[in-house]
N, C-alpha and C. Protein backbone atom coordinates (compact mmCIF):
# COMPACT_ATOMS: atom_id res chain seq x y z
N MET A 1 0.82 -1.11 0.01
CA MET A 1 0.11 -0.05 0.14
C MET A 1 0.70 1.38 -0.24
N ASP A 2 0.76 1.92 -1.03
CA ASP A 2 1.40 3.51 -1.05
C ASP A 2 0.88 4.35 -0.19
N VAL A 3 1.51 5.12 0.87
CA VAL A 3 1.10 6.02 1.47
C VAL A 3 1.71 7.41 1.05
N ALA A 4 0.99 8.53 1.17
CA ALA A 4 1.58 9.68 0.55
C ALA A 4 0.98 11.06 1.17
N LEU A 5 1.92 11.85 1.65
CA LEU A 5 1.33 13.07 2.41
C LEU A 5 1.19 14.39 1.13
N TYR A 6 0.42 15.11 0.92
CA TYR A 6 0.08 15.97 -0.09
C TYR A 6 -0.19 17.41 0.51
N LEU A 7 0.71 18.39 0.33
CA LEU A 7 0.65 19.56 0.65
C LEU A 7 -0.11 20.50 -0.37
N LEU A 8 -1.41 20.80 0.08
CA LEU A 8 -2.24 21.63 -1.00
C LEU A 8 -2.42 22.69 -0.73
N PRO A 9 -1.86 23.76 -1.99
CA PRO A 9 -1.73 25.04 -1.84
C PRO A 9 -3.30 25.71 -1.85
N VAL A 10 -3.83 26.51 -1.18
CA VAL A 10 -5.12 27.05 -1.35
C VAL A 10 -5.01 28.59 -1.97
N THR A 11 -6.05 29.10 -2.54
CA THR A 11 -6.05 30.39 -3.27
C THR A 11 -6.42 31.50 -2.23
N LEU A 12 -5.99 32.51 -2.83
CA LEU A 12 -6.05 33.53 -1.81
C LEU A 12 -7.24 34.64 -2.55
N GLY A 13 -8.16 34.98 -1.70
CA GLY A 13 -9.51 35.39 -2.11
C GLY A 13 -10.18 34.64 -3.21
N ASP A 14 -10.89 35.33 -4.03
CA ASP A 14 -11.87 34.62 -5.02
C ASP A 14 -11.03 34.38 -6.40
N THR A 15 -9.76 34.10 -6.09
CA THR A 15 -9.21 33.77 -7.52
C THR A 15 -9.85 32.37 -8.10
N ALA A 16 -10.09 32.23 -9.39
CA ALA A 16 -10.58 31.17 -10.07
C ALA A 16 -9.67 29.60 -9.75
N ILE A 17 -10.19 28.60 -9.42
CA ILE A 17 -9.22 27.46 -9.20
C ILE A 17 -8.55 26.95 -10.56
N ASP A 18 -9.26 27.14 -11.52
CA ASP A 18 -8.72 26.64 -12.68
C ASP A 18 -7.68 27.60 -13.31
N SER A 19 -7.25 28.82 -12.76
CA SER A 19 -6.37 29.58 -13.21
C SER A 19 -5.08 29.35 -12.23
N VAL A 20 -5.25 28.50 -11.22
CA VAL A 20 -4.07 28.54 -10.33
C VAL A 20 -3.84 27.12 -9.97
N LEU A 21 -4.82 25.96 -10.18
CA LEU A 21 -4.72 24.50 -9.88
C LEU A 21 -4.37 23.87 -11.38
N PRO A 22 -3.18 23.07 -11.57
CA PRO A 22 -3.41 22.23 -12.55
C PRO A 22 -4.20 21.19 -12.45
N ALA A 23 -4.81 20.64 -13.43
CA ALA A 23 -5.59 19.68 -13.62
C ALA A 23 -5.14 18.23 -12.73
N TYR A 24 -3.82 17.91 -12.84
CA TYR A 24 -3.38 16.70 -12.39
C TYR A 24 -3.85 17.03 -10.65
N ASN A 25 -3.40 18.27 -10.15
CA ASN A 25 -3.67 18.25 -8.68
C ASN A 25 -5.12 18.44 -8.27
N LYS A 26 -5.93 18.72 -8.99
CA LYS A 26 -7.43 18.58 -9.06
C LYS A 26 -7.77 17.06 -9.06
N ASN A 27 -7.33 16.37 -9.77
CA ASN A 27 -7.63 15.00 -9.80
C ASN A 27 -7.14 14.36 -8.17
N ILE A 28 -5.83 14.52 -8.05
CA ILE A 28 -5.33 14.12 -6.65
C ILE A 28 -6.28 14.62 -5.59
N ILE A 29 -6.89 15.61 -5.58
CA ILE A 29 -7.71 16.36 -4.54
C ILE A 29 -8.97 15.52 -4.34
N LEU A 30 -9.32 15.12 -5.58
CA LEU A 30 -10.74 14.55 -5.55
C LEU A 30 -10.65 13.16 -5.23
N ASN A 31 -9.66 12.31 -5.18
CA ASN A 31 -9.27 11.09 -4.55
C ASN A 31 -8.92 11.04 -3.03
N ILE A 32 -8.56 11.98 -2.44
CA ILE A 32 -8.11 12.15 -1.22
C ILE A 32 -9.68 12.18 -0.14
N LYS A 33 -9.60 11.30 0.74
CA LYS A 33 -10.90 11.11 1.76
C LYS A 33 -10.47 11.70 3.26
N HIS A 34 -9.21 11.68 3.38
CA HIS A 34 -8.64 12.17 4.94
C HIS A 34 -7.91 13.43 4.56
N PHE A 35 -8.18 14.49 5.77
CA PHE A 35 -7.52 15.83 5.35
C PHE A 35 -7.02 16.07 7.06
N ILE A 36 -6.00 16.68 6.87
CA ILE A 36 -5.08 17.34 8.21
C ILE A 36 -5.12 18.94 7.53
N VAL A 37 -6.06 19.57 8.45
CA VAL A 37 -6.34 21.02 8.03
C VAL A 37 -5.91 22.05 9.08
N GLU A 38 -5.54 23.28 8.74
CA GLU A 38 -5.52 24.10 10.07
C GLU A 38 -7.07 24.72 10.29
N ASP A 39 -7.51 24.73 9.38
CA ASP A 39 -9.21 25.39 9.69
C ASP A 39 -10.17 24.61 8.86
N VAL A 40 -10.95 24.12 9.50
CA VAL A 40 -11.98 23.19 8.71
C VAL A 40 -12.97 23.98 7.92
N ARG A 41 -13.17 25.08 8.25
CA ARG A 41 -14.09 25.86 7.47
C ARG A 41 -13.46 26.21 6.12
N SER A 42 -12.41 26.93 6.13
CA SER A 42 -11.69 27.26 4.96
C SER A 42 -11.45 26.15 4.13
N ALA A 43 -11.02 24.81 4.61
CA ALA A 43 -10.81 23.77 3.94
C ALA A 43 -11.85 23.25 3.04
N ARG A 44 -13.14 23.22 3.67
CA ARG A 44 -14.30 22.79 3.01
C ARG A 44 -14.55 23.86 2.05
N ARG A 45 -14.55 24.93 2.32
CA ARG A 45 -14.95 26.21 1.26
C ARG A 45 -13.98 25.89 -0.19
N PHE A 46 -12.48 25.64 0.16
CA PHE A 46 -11.67 25.48 -0.81
C PHE A 46 -12.12 24.00 -1.76
N LEU A 47 -12.49 23.31 -1.02
CA LEU A 47 -12.66 21.94 -1.82
C LEU A 47 -13.94 22.00 -2.51
N LYS A 48 -15.19 22.80 -1.91
CA LYS A 48 -16.03 23.29 -2.72
C LYS A 48 -15.94 24.07 -4.02
N LYS A 49 -15.00 24.78 -4.03
CA LYS A 49 -14.55 25.40 -5.22
C LYS A 49 -13.80 24.43 -5.95
N VAL A 50 -13.23 23.55 -5.62
CA VAL A 50 -12.21 22.54 -6.55
C VAL A 50 -13.48 21.69 -7.41
N ASP A 51 -14.53 21.33 -6.59
CA ASP A 51 -15.49 20.40 -7.15
C ASP A 51 -16.86 20.92 -6.62
N LYS A 52 -17.88 21.53 -7.01
CA LYS A 52 -19.18 21.96 -6.50
C LYS A 52 -19.74 20.38 -5.90
N ASP A 53 -19.57 19.44 -6.87
CA ASP A 53 -20.51 18.12 -6.61
C ASP A 53 -19.83 17.10 -5.60
N MET A 54 -18.60 17.68 -5.03
CA MET A 54 -17.86 17.02 -4.07
C MET A 54 -18.82 16.81 -2.56
N ASP A 55 -19.00 15.60 -2.20
CA ASP A 55 -19.64 15.23 -1.02
C ASP A 55 -18.72 15.45 0.44
N ILE A 56 -18.87 16.58 0.48
CA ILE A 56 -17.85 17.21 1.88
C ILE A 56 -18.06 16.44 3.26
N ASP A 57 -19.46 15.84 3.36
CA ASP A 57 -19.93 15.16 4.64
C ASP A 57 -19.05 13.87 4.62
N SER A 58 -18.79 13.25 3.48
CA SER A 58 -18.16 11.95 3.39
C SER A 58 -16.49 12.05 3.71
N LEU A 59 -16.10 13.29 4.12
CA LEU A 59 -14.89 13.38 4.23
C LEU A 59 -14.40 13.79 5.34
N THR A 60 -13.17 13.22 5.92
CA THR A 60 -12.61 13.39 7.49
C THR A 60 -11.42 14.29 7.51
N PHE A 61 -11.89 15.36 8.24
CA PHE A 61 -11.07 16.38 8.67
C PHE A 61 -10.39 16.27 9.99
C-alpha cells in the first residue's frame, strides 16, 4: 500500500481555481478522503471551489 502526504496550496481571495490549480492536482484532491487542515471551514470552502459536486460530509477532517 502506497502512502503519501500531499501539501495542498489554497487560493487567496476569489481567484478562480482553474487559473492556479493544474488538472493533475485537482484529480489528486478528488481522490483524497482524509485531510489534516488548519481551519476546517476554510478547507471545506476550498474543496467546494475545486468541485461543487464533492460530498464534503463523506470526508474526514
